[in-house]
């Protein structure tokens, strides 16, 4: 018979989840301080570091909860909630006016991060779709745990956000620059993978309905 989990093991995964929400709040506050043309490079670098730490807690809390067999109702609800707050909030901030470049006479202002509002809509729609499908399937007693497509999507998002922030902080990101190409490629790849990652979930949901 396995030993009863200690109080530390029962509480640590949930504490990491709560810490991720707190870190997300600090991360958003730091991004809100950014203004194009102002010397806030250090602020963006700190924000990138905080995002990475928060993303690591996402990988760690679920792993520990399963390893120690201390998965709780709180964790099942708050863990995905914390993930979505962190990632969706990050892309909303990156698409905001705080990262708009100088106005141009012949074109709209360049978004320094490469993230446009419609891209945030695509990412948000994917999350709402998968969350809704998960609720329907699990309400019927089915298993709708994360697939590898969802895990790779999260990994790519967790790399893309800090990479973009670091490049904006320490390199020129104007049209034609190498950093501009890296940022645009990273953003488009992230949006594409995020959207396509919903396909396996749709297949699983329709397959279950067809049974």
N, C-alpha and C. Protein backbone atom coordinates (compact mmCIF):
# COMPACT_ATOMS: atom_id res chain seq x y z
N UNK A 1 0.85 -1.20 0.00
CA UNK A 1 0.00 0.00 0.00
C UNK A 1 0.88 1.24 0.00
N UNK A 2 0.68 2.18 -0.96
CA UNK A 2 1.54 3.36 -1.01
C UNK A 2 1.36 4.23 0.23
N UNK A 3 2.47 4.87 0.62
CA UNK A 3 2.44 5.73 1.80
C UNK A 3 1.57 6.96 1.54
N UNK A 4 0.98 7.47 2.61
CA UNK A 4 0.14 8.66 2.53
C UNK A 4 1.02 9.87 2.17
N UNK A 5 0.63 10.67 1.17
CA UNK A 5 1.44 11.84 0.79
C UNK A 5 1.59 12.80 1.97
N UNK A 6 2.75 13.39 2.08
CA UNK A 6 2.98 14.37 3.13
C UNK A 6 2.22 15.65 2.83
N UNK A 7 2.10 16.51 3.83
CA UNK A 7 1.40 17.78 3.66
C UNK A 7 2.08 18.63 2.59
N UNK A 8 3.42 18.58 2.54
CA UNK A 8 4.15 19.35 1.53
C UNK A 8 3.81 18.86 0.14
N UNK A 9 3.77 17.55 -0.04
CA UNK A 9 3.47 17.01 -1.36
C UNK A 9 2.04 17.32 -1.78
N UNK A 10 1.13 17.35 -0.84
CA UNK A 10 -0.26 17.67 -1.17
C UNK A 10 -0.42 19.13 -1.56
N UNK A 11 0.36 20.00 -0.96
CA UNK A 11 0.16 21.44 -1.16
C UNK A 11 1.05 22.05 -2.24
N UNK A 12 2.22 21.45 -2.51
CA UNK A 12 3.17 22.09 -3.41
C UNK A 12 2.64 22.26 -4.84
N UNK A 13 2.02 21.25 -5.47
CA UNK A 13 1.52 21.47 -6.83
C UNK A 13 0.52 22.62 -6.92
N UNK A 14 -0.40 22.70 -5.98
CA UNK A 14 -1.38 23.79 -5.99
C UNK A 14 -0.71 25.13 -5.70
N UNK A 15 0.31 25.12 -4.85
CA UNK A 15 1.05 26.36 -4.57
C UNK A 15 1.75 26.86 -5.82
N UNK A 16 2.28 25.94 -6.63
CA UNK A 16 2.92 26.33 -7.88
C UNK A 16 1.91 26.92 -8.86
N UNK A 17 0.70 26.37 -8.87
CA UNK A 17 -0.35 26.90 -9.73
C UNK A 17 -0.71 28.32 -9.33
N UNK A 18 -0.86 28.53 -8.02
CA UNK A 18 -1.18 29.88 -7.52
C UNK A 18 -0.03 30.84 -7.84
N UNK A 19 1.20 30.35 -7.68
CA UNK A 19 2.37 31.18 -7.98
C UNK A 19 2.37 31.60 -9.44
N UNK A 20 1.91 30.72 -10.33
CA UNK A 20 1.86 31.05 -11.75
C UNK A 20 0.89 32.20 -12.02
N UNK A 21 -0.23 32.20 -11.32
CA UNK A 21 -1.20 33.29 -11.48
C UNK A 21 -0.61 34.60 -10.98
N UNK A 22 0.09 34.55 -9.84
CA UNK A 22 0.72 35.75 -9.30
C UNK A 22 1.80 36.26 -10.25
N UNK A 23 2.63 35.36 -10.76
CA UNK A 23 3.67 35.74 -11.70
C UNK A 23 3.07 36.35 -12.97
N UNK A 24 1.94 35.80 -13.41
CA UNK A 24 1.28 36.35 -14.59
C UNK A 24 0.85 37.80 -14.33
N UNK A 25 0.34 38.08 -13.14
CA UNK A 25 -0.05 39.45 -12.81
C UNK A 25 1.12 40.41 -12.85
N UNK A 26 2.24 39.98 -12.28
CA UNK A 26 3.45 40.82 -12.30
C UNK A 26 3.94 41.00 -13.73
N UNK A 27 3.90 39.93 -14.51
CA UNK A 27 4.31 39.98 -15.91
C UNK A 27 3.49 41.00 -16.68
N UNK A 28 2.17 40.99 -16.51
CA UNK A 28 1.31 41.94 -17.20
C UNK A 28 1.63 43.37 -16.77
N UNK A 29 1.88 43.56 -15.49
CA UNK A 29 2.21 44.90 -14.99
C UNK A 29 3.48 45.43 -15.64
N UNK A 30 4.47 44.56 -15.79
CA UNK A 30 5.73 44.98 -16.41
C UNK A 30 5.51 45.35 -17.88
N UNK A 31 4.72 44.56 -18.59
CA UNK A 31 4.46 44.88 -19.99
C UNK A 31 3.67 46.19 -20.12
N UNK A 32 2.80 46.45 -19.15
CA UNK A 32 2.02 47.68 -19.20
C UNK A 32 2.90 48.92 -19.04
N UNK A 33 4.07 48.74 -18.45
CA UNK A 33 5.00 49.86 -18.27
C UNK A 33 5.74 50.22 -19.55
N UNK A 34 5.71 49.29 -20.52
CA UNK A 34 6.48 49.52 -21.74
C UNK A 34 5.81 50.56 -22.61
N UNK A 35 6.61 51.50 -23.11
CA UNK A 35 6.16 52.48 -24.07
C UNK A 35 7.18 52.54 -25.21
N UNK A 36 6.73 52.48 -26.45
CA UNK A 36 7.67 52.52 -27.57
C UNK A 36 8.57 53.76 -27.49
N UNK A 37 9.85 53.55 -27.68
CA UNK A 37 10.79 54.65 -27.67
C UNK A 37 11.33 55.01 -26.32
N UNK A 38 10.78 54.42 -25.26
CA UNK A 38 11.27 54.71 -23.92
C UNK A 38 12.29 53.64 -23.51
N UNK A 39 13.23 53.99 -22.64
CA UNK A 39 14.28 53.04 -22.25
C UNK A 39 13.77 52.02 -21.23
N UNK A 40 12.97 51.07 -21.71
CA UNK A 40 12.41 50.05 -20.82
C UNK A 40 12.94 48.66 -21.18
N UNK A 41 14.11 48.62 -21.79
CA UNK A 41 14.65 47.33 -22.22
C UNK A 41 14.77 46.36 -21.05
N UNK A 42 15.27 46.86 -19.91
CA UNK A 42 15.44 45.99 -18.74
C UNK A 42 14.11 45.45 -18.27
N UNK A 43 13.07 46.27 -18.33
CA UNK A 43 11.74 45.83 -17.93
C UNK A 43 11.27 44.66 -18.79
N UNK A 44 11.50 44.75 -20.09
CA UNK A 44 11.09 43.67 -20.98
C UNK A 44 11.88 42.39 -20.72
N UNK A 45 13.16 42.53 -20.42
CA UNK A 45 13.98 41.36 -20.13
C UNK A 45 13.52 40.68 -18.84
N UNK A 46 13.19 41.48 -17.84
CA UNK A 46 12.67 40.91 -16.59
C UNK A 46 11.34 40.21 -16.85
N UNK A 47 10.49 40.84 -17.67
CA UNK A 47 9.20 40.23 -18.00
C UNK A 47 9.39 38.90 -18.71
N UNK A 48 10.36 38.84 -19.63
CA UNK A 48 10.64 37.59 -20.34
C UNK A 48 11.07 36.51 -19.37
N UNK A 49 11.93 36.87 -18.41
CA UNK A 49 12.37 35.90 -17.40
C UNK A 49 11.21 35.40 -16.54
N UNK A 50 10.32 36.32 -16.14
CA UNK A 50 9.17 35.93 -15.33
C UNK A 50 8.26 34.98 -16.10
N UNK A 51 8.08 35.26 -17.38
CA UNK A 51 7.23 34.38 -18.18
C UNK A 51 7.81 32.97 -18.25
N UNK A 52 9.12 32.87 -18.43
CA UNK A 52 9.75 31.56 -18.48
C UNK A 52 9.58 30.81 -17.16
N UNK A 53 9.76 31.51 -16.05
CA UNK A 53 9.58 30.88 -14.74
C UNK A 53 8.15 30.40 -14.58
N UNK A 54 7.19 31.24 -14.98
CA UNK A 54 5.78 30.86 -14.87
C UNK A 54 5.48 29.65 -15.75
N UNK A 55 6.05 29.62 -16.96
CA UNK A 55 5.83 28.49 -17.85
C UNK A 55 6.42 27.20 -17.28
N UNK A 56 7.54 27.31 -16.59
CA UNK A 56 8.16 26.13 -15.97
C UNK A 56 7.27 25.59 -14.85
N UNK A 57 6.61 26.46 -14.11
CA UNK A 57 5.70 25.98 -13.06
C UNK A 57 4.56 25.18 -13.67
N UNK A 58 4.17 25.52 -14.91
CA UNK A 58 3.11 24.77 -15.58
C UNK A 58 3.54 23.33 -15.82
N UNK A 59 4.79 23.16 -16.25
CA UNK A 59 5.28 21.81 -16.48
C UNK A 59 5.48 21.05 -15.18
N UNK A 60 5.82 21.78 -14.11
CA UNK A 60 6.19 21.13 -12.86
C UNK A 60 5.01 20.75 -12.01
N UNK A 61 3.99 21.61 -11.91
CA UNK A 61 2.91 21.32 -10.96
C UNK A 61 2.12 20.07 -11.34
N UNK A 62 1.79 19.93 -12.63
CA UNK A 62 1.06 18.74 -13.05
C UNK A 62 1.90 17.48 -12.92
N UNK A 63 3.19 17.59 -13.24
CA UNK A 63 4.09 16.43 -13.11
C UNK A 63 4.17 15.95 -11.67
N UNK A 64 4.33 16.88 -10.75
CA UNK A 64 4.43 16.50 -9.33
C UNK A 64 3.12 15.93 -8.81
N UNK A 65 2.01 16.54 -9.24
CA UNK A 65 0.70 16.05 -8.76
C UNK A 65 0.47 14.61 -9.20
N UNK A 66 0.84 14.29 -10.44
CA UNK A 66 0.65 12.91 -10.91
C UNK A 66 1.66 11.96 -10.27
N UNK A 67 2.90 12.41 -10.14
CA UNK A 67 3.94 11.56 -9.57
C UNK A 67 3.63 11.21 -8.12
N UNK A 68 3.17 12.18 -7.36
CA UNK A 68 2.89 11.97 -5.93
C UNK A 68 1.45 11.53 -5.68
N UNK A 69 0.65 11.43 -6.76
CA UNK A 69 -0.75 11.00 -6.65
C UNK A 69 -1.55 11.93 -5.73
N UNK A 70 -1.40 13.22 -5.99
CA UNK A 70 -2.10 14.21 -5.18
C UNK A 70 -2.92 15.15 -6.09
N UNK A 71 -3.39 14.60 -7.22
CA UNK A 71 -4.23 15.41 -8.11
C UNK A 71 -5.51 15.79 -7.37
N UNK A 72 -5.83 17.08 -7.38
CA UNK A 72 -6.99 17.58 -6.64
C UNK A 72 -7.97 18.27 -7.58
N UNK A 73 -9.19 18.49 -7.09
CA UNK A 73 -10.18 19.22 -7.88
C UNK A 73 -9.71 20.64 -8.13
N UNK A 74 -9.09 21.23 -7.11
CA UNK A 74 -8.56 22.58 -7.26
C UNK A 74 -7.55 22.63 -8.40
N UNK A 75 -6.64 21.67 -8.42
CA UNK A 75 -5.63 21.64 -9.46
C UNK A 75 -6.21 21.41 -10.84
N UNK A 76 -7.21 20.54 -10.95
CA UNK A 76 -7.81 20.24 -12.24
C UNK A 76 -8.49 21.47 -12.83
N UNK A 77 -9.02 22.34 -11.97
CA UNK A 77 -9.69 23.55 -12.45
C UNK A 77 -8.70 24.70 -12.64
N UNK A 78 -7.86 24.93 -11.64
CA UNK A 78 -7.00 26.11 -11.64
C UNK A 78 -5.78 25.98 -12.54
N UNK A 79 -5.28 24.77 -12.75
CA UNK A 79 -4.09 24.60 -13.59
C UNK A 79 -4.34 25.08 -15.02
N UNK A 80 -5.39 24.58 -15.71
CA UNK A 80 -5.64 25.10 -17.06
C UNK A 80 -6.05 26.57 -17.06
N UNK A 81 -6.73 27.00 -16.00
CA UNK A 81 -7.10 28.42 -15.89
C UNK A 81 -5.86 29.29 -15.85
N UNK A 82 -4.88 28.90 -15.02
CA UNK A 82 -3.64 29.67 -14.90
C UNK A 82 -2.89 29.69 -16.23
N UNK A 83 -2.88 28.56 -16.94
CA UNK A 83 -2.21 28.50 -18.24
C UNK A 83 -2.82 29.51 -19.21
N UNK A 84 -4.14 29.52 -19.27
CA UNK A 84 -4.82 30.38 -20.24
C UNK A 84 -4.66 31.85 -19.88
N UNK A 85 -4.71 32.16 -18.59
CA UNK A 85 -4.49 33.55 -18.17
C UNK A 85 -3.11 34.01 -18.60
N UNK A 86 -2.11 33.18 -18.36
CA UNK A 86 -0.72 33.55 -18.68
C UNK A 86 -0.53 33.73 -20.18
N UNK A 87 -0.92 32.72 -20.97
CA UNK A 87 -0.64 32.74 -22.41
C UNK A 87 -1.53 33.74 -23.14
N UNK A 88 -2.84 33.67 -22.90
CA UNK A 88 -3.74 34.59 -23.60
C UNK A 88 -3.46 36.03 -23.19
N UNK A 89 -3.21 36.24 -21.91
CA UNK A 89 -2.89 37.58 -21.45
C UNK A 89 -1.62 38.11 -22.10
N UNK A 90 -0.62 37.23 -22.27
CA UNK A 90 0.63 37.63 -22.89
C UNK A 90 0.40 38.10 -24.33
N UNK A 91 -0.36 37.33 -25.10
CA UNK A 91 -0.57 37.71 -26.50
C UNK A 91 -1.46 38.95 -26.62
N UNK A 92 -2.40 39.10 -25.72
CA UNK A 92 -3.22 40.33 -25.72
C UNK A 92 -2.33 41.54 -25.48
N UNK A 93 -1.43 41.45 -24.52
CA UNK A 93 -0.53 42.56 -24.23
C UNK A 93 0.40 42.83 -25.40
N UNK A 94 0.92 41.77 -26.04
CA UNK A 94 1.84 41.95 -27.16
C UNK A 94 1.16 42.58 -28.37
N UNK A 95 -0.16 42.42 -28.47
CA UNK A 95 -0.90 43.03 -29.58
C UNK A 95 -1.39 44.43 -29.24
N UNK A 96 -1.11 44.90 -28.04
CA UNK A 96 -1.63 46.17 -27.56
C UNK A 96 -0.87 47.38 -28.05
N UNK A 97 -1.40 48.57 -27.75
CA UNK A 97 -0.77 49.82 -28.20
C UNK A 97 0.59 50.09 -27.60
N UNK A 98 0.91 49.44 -26.49
CA UNK A 98 2.22 49.64 -25.88
C UNK A 98 3.36 49.15 -26.74
N UNK A 99 3.05 48.33 -27.76
CA UNK A 99 4.10 47.81 -28.65
C UNK A 99 3.91 48.28 -30.09
N UNK A 100 3.15 49.36 -30.27
CA UNK A 100 2.98 49.92 -31.61
C UNK A 100 4.17 50.82 -31.93
N UNK A 101 4.71 50.63 -33.12
CA UNK A 101 5.85 51.45 -33.54
C UNK A 101 5.41 52.85 -33.94
N UNK A 102 6.37 53.63 -34.39
CA UNK A 102 6.09 55.00 -34.81
C UNK A 102 5.18 55.01 -36.04
N UNK A 103 4.27 55.98 -36.12
CA UNK A 103 3.39 56.07 -37.29
C UNK A 103 4.19 56.22 -38.58
N UNK A 104 3.65 55.61 -39.66
CA UNK A 104 4.29 55.71 -40.96
C UNK A 104 3.32 56.35 -41.95
N UNK A 105 3.84 57.17 -42.84
CA UNK A 105 2.97 57.90 -43.75
C UNK A 105 2.28 56.98 -44.76
N UNK A 106 2.97 55.93 -45.16
CA UNK A 106 2.45 55.08 -46.22
C UNK A 106 1.85 53.77 -45.74
N UNK A 107 1.80 53.55 -44.44
CA UNK A 107 1.30 52.27 -43.92
C UNK A 107 0.92 52.43 -42.45
N UNK A 108 0.12 51.49 -41.92
CA UNK A 108 -0.20 51.53 -40.49
C UNK A 108 1.05 51.36 -39.65
N UNK A 109 1.02 51.79 -38.39
CA UNK A 109 2.18 51.61 -37.51
C UNK A 109 2.57 50.14 -37.41
N UNK A 110 3.86 49.89 -37.38
CA UNK A 110 4.38 48.53 -37.28
C UNK A 110 4.24 48.04 -35.84
N UNK A 111 3.59 46.88 -35.66
CA UNK A 111 3.51 46.28 -34.34
C UNK A 111 4.86 45.64 -34.04
N UNK A 112 5.58 46.16 -33.05
CA UNK A 112 6.95 45.73 -32.80
C UNK A 112 7.04 44.23 -32.51
N UNK A 113 6.01 43.69 -31.88
CA UNK A 113 6.02 42.27 -31.51
C UNK A 113 5.57 41.36 -32.64
N UNK A 114 5.02 41.93 -33.70
CA UNK A 114 4.49 41.12 -34.79
C UNK A 114 3.13 40.50 -34.51
N UNK A 115 2.58 40.72 -33.32
CA UNK A 115 1.29 40.13 -32.94
C UNK A 115 0.18 41.13 -33.25
N UNK A 116 -0.73 40.73 -34.14
CA UNK A 116 -1.86 41.57 -34.51
C UNK A 116 -3.11 41.12 -33.76
N UNK A 117 -4.09 42.02 -33.57
CA UNK A 117 -5.31 41.64 -32.83
C UNK A 117 -6.01 40.40 -33.37
N UNK A 118 -6.05 40.24 -34.71
CA UNK A 118 -6.75 39.08 -35.26
C UNK A 118 -6.07 37.78 -34.87
N UNK A 119 -4.75 37.82 -34.67
CA UNK A 119 -4.03 36.63 -34.25
C UNK A 119 -4.45 36.22 -32.84
N UNK A 120 -4.67 37.21 -31.99
CA UNK A 120 -5.14 36.93 -30.63
C UNK A 120 -6.52 36.29 -30.68
N UNK A 121 -7.36 36.76 -31.60
CA UNK A 121 -8.70 36.18 -31.76
C UNK A 121 -8.60 34.70 -32.14
N UNK A 122 -7.68 34.36 -33.06
CA UNK A 122 -7.49 32.97 -33.47
C UNK A 122 -7.05 32.12 -32.27
N UNK A 123 -6.08 32.61 -31.52
CA UNK A 123 -5.58 31.86 -30.36
C UNK A 123 -6.68 31.68 -29.32
N UNK A 124 -7.44 32.76 -29.06
CA UNK A 124 -8.53 32.69 -28.09
C UNK A 124 -9.62 31.73 -28.55
N UNK A 125 -9.96 31.78 -29.85
CA UNK A 125 -11.00 30.89 -30.37
C UNK A 125 -10.60 29.43 -30.22
N UNK A 126 -9.33 29.13 -30.46
CA UNK A 126 -8.85 27.76 -30.30
C UNK A 126 -9.02 27.29 -28.86
N UNK A 127 -8.65 28.14 -27.91
CA UNK A 127 -8.74 27.76 -26.51
C UNK A 127 -10.20 27.57 -26.09
N UNK A 128 -11.08 28.45 -26.53
CA UNK A 128 -12.50 28.33 -26.19
C UNK A 128 -13.11 27.07 -26.79
N UNK A 129 -12.71 26.75 -28.03
CA UNK A 129 -13.23 25.55 -28.69
C UNK A 129 -12.81 24.30 -27.96
N UNK A 130 -11.52 24.16 -27.66
CA UNK A 130 -11.03 22.95 -27.00
C UNK A 130 -11.60 22.84 -25.60
N UNK A 131 -11.69 23.96 -24.89
CA UNK A 131 -12.25 23.94 -23.54
C UNK A 131 -13.71 23.50 -23.57
N UNK A 132 -14.47 23.99 -24.55
CA UNK A 132 -15.88 23.61 -24.67
C UNK A 132 -16.03 22.13 -24.99
N UNK A 133 -15.20 21.63 -25.92
CA UNK A 133 -15.24 20.21 -26.26
C UNK A 133 -14.88 19.35 -25.06
N UNK A 134 -13.87 19.78 -24.31
CA UNK A 134 -13.46 19.03 -23.12
C UNK A 134 -14.60 18.96 -22.11
N UNK A 135 -15.29 20.07 -21.92
CA UNK A 135 -16.41 20.08 -20.97
C UNK A 135 -17.51 19.13 -21.39
N UNK A 136 -17.84 19.09 -22.69
CA UNK A 136 -18.89 18.21 -23.17
C UNK A 136 -18.51 16.74 -23.01
N UNK A 137 -17.29 16.40 -23.42
CA UNK A 137 -16.87 15.00 -23.37
C UNK A 137 -16.73 14.51 -21.94
N UNK A 138 -16.10 15.31 -21.09
CA UNK A 138 -15.89 14.87 -19.71
C UNK A 138 -17.21 14.85 -18.92
N UNK A 139 -18.17 15.68 -19.31
CA UNK A 139 -19.48 15.64 -18.66
C UNK A 139 -20.19 14.31 -18.94
N UNK A 140 -19.83 13.69 -20.07
CA UNK A 140 -20.39 12.38 -20.42
C UNK A 140 -19.54 11.22 -19.92
N UNK A 141 -18.51 11.55 -19.13
CA UNK A 141 -17.66 10.50 -18.56
C UNK A 141 -16.49 10.10 -19.43
N UNK A 142 -16.24 10.84 -20.50
CA UNK A 142 -15.14 10.50 -21.38
C UNK A 142 -13.83 11.12 -20.93
N UNK A 143 -12.75 10.64 -21.55
CA UNK A 143 -11.41 11.16 -21.27
C UNK A 143 -11.02 12.13 -22.37
N UNK A 144 -10.72 13.36 -21.99
CA UNK A 144 -10.33 14.37 -22.97
C UNK A 144 -9.06 15.07 -22.51
N UNK A 145 -8.11 14.27 -22.04
CA UNK A 145 -6.85 14.81 -21.57
C UNK A 145 -6.07 15.41 -22.72
N UNK A 146 -5.07 16.22 -22.38
CA UNK A 146 -4.30 16.94 -23.40
C UNK A 146 -3.59 15.98 -24.34
N UNK A 147 -3.59 16.32 -25.63
CA UNK A 147 -2.87 15.52 -26.62
C UNK A 147 -1.49 16.12 -26.83
N UNK A 148 -0.67 15.40 -27.60
CA UNK A 148 0.67 15.91 -27.88
C UNK A 148 0.62 17.20 -28.67
N UNK A 149 -0.40 17.36 -29.51
CA UNK A 149 -0.51 18.61 -30.27
C UNK A 149 -0.70 19.79 -29.32
N UNK A 150 -1.49 19.58 -28.27
CA UNK A 150 -1.70 20.64 -27.30
C UNK A 150 -0.44 20.94 -26.50
N UNK A 151 0.32 19.89 -26.19
CA UNK A 151 1.54 20.10 -25.42
C UNK A 151 2.60 20.82 -26.25
N UNK A 152 2.72 20.45 -27.52
CA UNK A 152 3.67 21.15 -28.38
C UNK A 152 3.26 22.59 -28.61
N UNK A 153 1.96 22.81 -28.69
CA UNK A 153 1.46 24.18 -28.83
C UNK A 153 1.87 25.02 -27.64
N UNK A 154 1.73 24.46 -26.45
CA UNK A 154 2.09 25.20 -25.24
C UNK A 154 3.60 25.46 -25.18
N UNK A 155 4.39 24.47 -25.59
CA UNK A 155 5.84 24.64 -25.60
C UNK A 155 6.23 25.77 -26.55
N UNK A 156 5.65 25.77 -27.76
CA UNK A 156 5.97 26.80 -28.74
C UNK A 156 5.56 28.18 -28.23
N UNK A 157 4.39 28.29 -27.65
CA UNK A 157 3.95 29.57 -27.10
C UNK A 157 4.87 30.04 -25.98
N UNK A 158 5.32 29.10 -25.16
CA UNK A 158 6.18 29.44 -24.03
C UNK A 158 7.56 29.89 -24.48
N UNK A 159 7.97 29.47 -25.67
CA UNK A 159 9.24 29.93 -26.23
C UNK A 159 9.06 31.24 -26.99
N UNK A 160 7.94 31.35 -27.71
CA UNK A 160 7.71 32.51 -28.57
C UNK A 160 7.62 33.81 -27.79
N UNK A 161 6.87 33.81 -26.70
CA UNK A 161 6.64 35.06 -25.96
C UNK A 161 7.95 35.65 -25.43
N UNK A 162 8.75 34.90 -24.66
CA UNK A 162 10.01 35.51 -24.18
C UNK A 162 10.99 35.83 -25.30
N UNK A 163 11.01 35.02 -26.38
CA UNK A 163 11.90 35.31 -27.50
C UNK A 163 11.56 36.66 -28.12
N UNK A 164 10.28 36.90 -28.34
CA UNK A 164 9.84 38.17 -28.91
C UNK A 164 10.23 39.33 -28.00
N UNK A 165 9.99 39.18 -26.71
CA UNK A 165 10.32 40.26 -25.77
C UNK A 165 11.81 40.56 -25.75
N UNK A 166 12.62 39.52 -25.77
CA UNK A 166 14.07 39.73 -25.75
C UNK A 166 14.53 40.45 -27.01
N UNK A 167 14.00 40.04 -28.17
CA UNK A 167 14.40 40.68 -29.42
C UNK A 167 13.96 42.14 -29.47
N UNK A 168 12.75 42.43 -28.99
CA UNK A 168 12.29 43.82 -28.95
C UNK A 168 13.16 44.64 -28.00
N UNK A 169 13.62 44.01 -26.93
CA UNK A 169 14.38 44.73 -25.91
C UNK A 169 15.80 45.06 -26.34
N UNK A 170 16.44 44.16 -27.09
CA UNK A 170 17.89 44.33 -27.30
C UNK A 170 18.30 44.51 -28.76
N UNK A 171 17.34 44.43 -29.71
CA UNK A 171 17.72 44.56 -31.12
C UNK A 171 16.78 45.52 -31.83
N UNK A 172 17.23 46.12 -32.93
CA UNK A 172 16.32 46.89 -33.78
C UNK A 172 15.37 45.95 -34.51
N UNK A 173 14.09 46.26 -34.51
CA UNK A 173 13.10 45.36 -35.10
C UNK A 173 12.34 46.04 -36.24
N UNK A 174 13.00 46.98 -36.88
CA UNK A 174 12.37 47.67 -38.00
C UNK A 174 12.25 46.79 -39.22
N UNK A 175 11.51 47.25 -40.24
CA UNK A 175 11.34 46.48 -41.48
C UNK A 175 12.69 46.14 -42.11
N UNK A 176 12.83 44.91 -42.55
CA UNK A 176 14.05 44.46 -43.21
C UNK A 176 15.13 43.95 -42.30
N UNK A 177 14.97 44.09 -40.98
CA UNK A 177 16.00 43.63 -40.05
C UNK A 177 15.88 42.12 -39.84
N UNK A 178 16.97 41.51 -39.41
CA UNK A 178 16.96 40.08 -39.10
C UNK A 178 15.98 39.79 -37.97
N UNK A 179 15.99 40.64 -36.96
CA UNK A 179 15.08 40.45 -35.83
C UNK A 179 13.62 40.50 -36.27
N UNK A 180 13.33 41.39 -37.22
CA UNK A 180 11.96 41.48 -37.74
C UNK A 180 11.54 40.16 -38.39
N UNK A 181 12.47 39.57 -39.15
CA UNK A 181 12.17 38.29 -39.81
C UNK A 181 11.96 37.19 -38.77
N UNK A 182 12.81 37.16 -37.75
CA UNK A 182 12.68 36.13 -36.72
C UNK A 182 11.36 36.29 -35.97
N UNK A 183 11.03 37.53 -35.61
CA UNK A 183 9.78 37.78 -34.87
C UNK A 183 8.57 37.37 -35.71
N UNK A 184 8.52 37.84 -36.96
CA UNK A 184 7.36 37.53 -37.80
C UNK A 184 7.22 36.03 -38.04
N UNK A 185 8.34 35.36 -38.29
CA UNK A 185 8.30 33.91 -38.50
C UNK A 185 7.82 33.19 -37.25
N UNK A 186 8.33 33.60 -36.10
CA UNK A 186 7.93 32.97 -34.84
C UNK A 186 6.45 33.17 -34.57
N UNK A 187 5.96 34.38 -34.79
CA UNK A 187 4.55 34.67 -34.51
C UNK A 187 3.63 33.89 -35.45
N UNK A 188 3.93 33.92 -36.74
CA UNK A 188 3.08 33.20 -37.69
C UNK A 188 3.10 31.69 -37.44
N UNK A 189 4.26 31.16 -37.12
CA UNK A 189 4.37 29.73 -36.82
C UNK A 189 3.56 29.39 -35.57
N UNK A 190 3.65 30.24 -34.56
CA UNK A 190 2.91 29.99 -33.32
C UNK A 190 1.41 30.02 -33.55
N UNK A 191 0.94 31.00 -34.31
CA UNK A 191 -0.50 31.09 -34.60
C UNK A 191 -0.96 29.88 -35.40
N UNK A 192 -0.17 29.48 -36.40
CA UNK A 192 -0.54 28.33 -37.23
C UNK A 192 -0.60 27.04 -36.41
N UNK A 193 0.44 26.80 -35.60
CA UNK A 193 0.47 25.58 -34.78
C UNK A 193 -0.66 25.59 -33.76
N UNK A 194 -0.93 26.76 -33.18
CA UNK A 194 -2.03 26.86 -32.21
C UNK A 194 -3.35 26.49 -32.85
N UNK A 195 -3.62 27.02 -34.04
CA UNK A 195 -4.88 26.72 -34.72
C UNK A 195 -4.96 25.25 -35.12
N UNK A 196 -3.88 24.72 -35.69
CA UNK A 196 -3.88 23.32 -36.14
C UNK A 196 -3.93 22.33 -34.99
N UNK A 197 -3.46 22.76 -33.82
CA UNK A 197 -3.46 21.84 -32.67
C UNK A 197 -4.86 21.49 -32.22
N UNK A 198 -5.86 22.22 -32.68
CA UNK A 198 -7.24 21.91 -32.31
C UNK A 198 -7.78 20.72 -33.10
N UNK A 199 -7.16 20.37 -34.23
CA UNK A 199 -7.69 19.32 -35.10
C UNK A 199 -7.78 17.97 -34.39
N UNK A 200 -6.71 17.50 -33.69
CA UNK A 200 -6.85 16.20 -32.99
C UNK A 200 -7.98 16.19 -31.96
N UNK A 201 -8.22 17.31 -31.30
CA UNK A 201 -9.31 17.38 -30.33
C UNK A 201 -10.66 17.27 -31.03
N UNK A 202 -10.79 17.95 -32.18
CA UNK A 202 -12.03 17.85 -32.94
C UNK A 202 -12.27 16.41 -33.39
N UNK A 203 -11.23 15.74 -33.86
CA UNK A 203 -11.37 14.35 -34.30
C UNK A 203 -11.81 13.46 -33.15
N UNK A 204 -11.21 13.65 -31.98
CA UNK A 204 -11.58 12.82 -30.83
C UNK A 204 -13.02 13.07 -30.43
N UNK A 205 -13.44 14.33 -30.46
CA UNK A 205 -14.82 14.64 -30.08
C UNK A 205 -15.81 14.06 -31.06
N UNK A 206 -15.55 14.19 -32.39
CA UNK A 206 -16.46 13.64 -33.39
C UNK A 206 -16.44 12.12 -33.38
N UNK A 207 -15.27 11.53 -33.13
CA UNK A 207 -15.19 10.07 -33.06
C UNK A 207 -16.04 9.54 -31.92
N UNK A 208 -16.02 10.25 -30.81
CA UNK A 208 -16.82 9.82 -29.66
C UNK A 208 -18.31 9.95 -29.96
N UNK A 209 -18.70 11.00 -30.66
CA UNK A 209 -20.11 11.18 -31.01
C UNK A 209 -20.56 10.11 -31.97
N UNK A 210 -19.60 9.59 -32.78
CA UNK A 210 -19.97 8.58 -33.76
C UNK A 210 -20.07 7.17 -33.20
N UNK A 211 -19.68 6.99 -31.93
CA UNK A 211 -19.71 5.67 -31.32
C UNK A 211 -21.15 5.24 -31.00
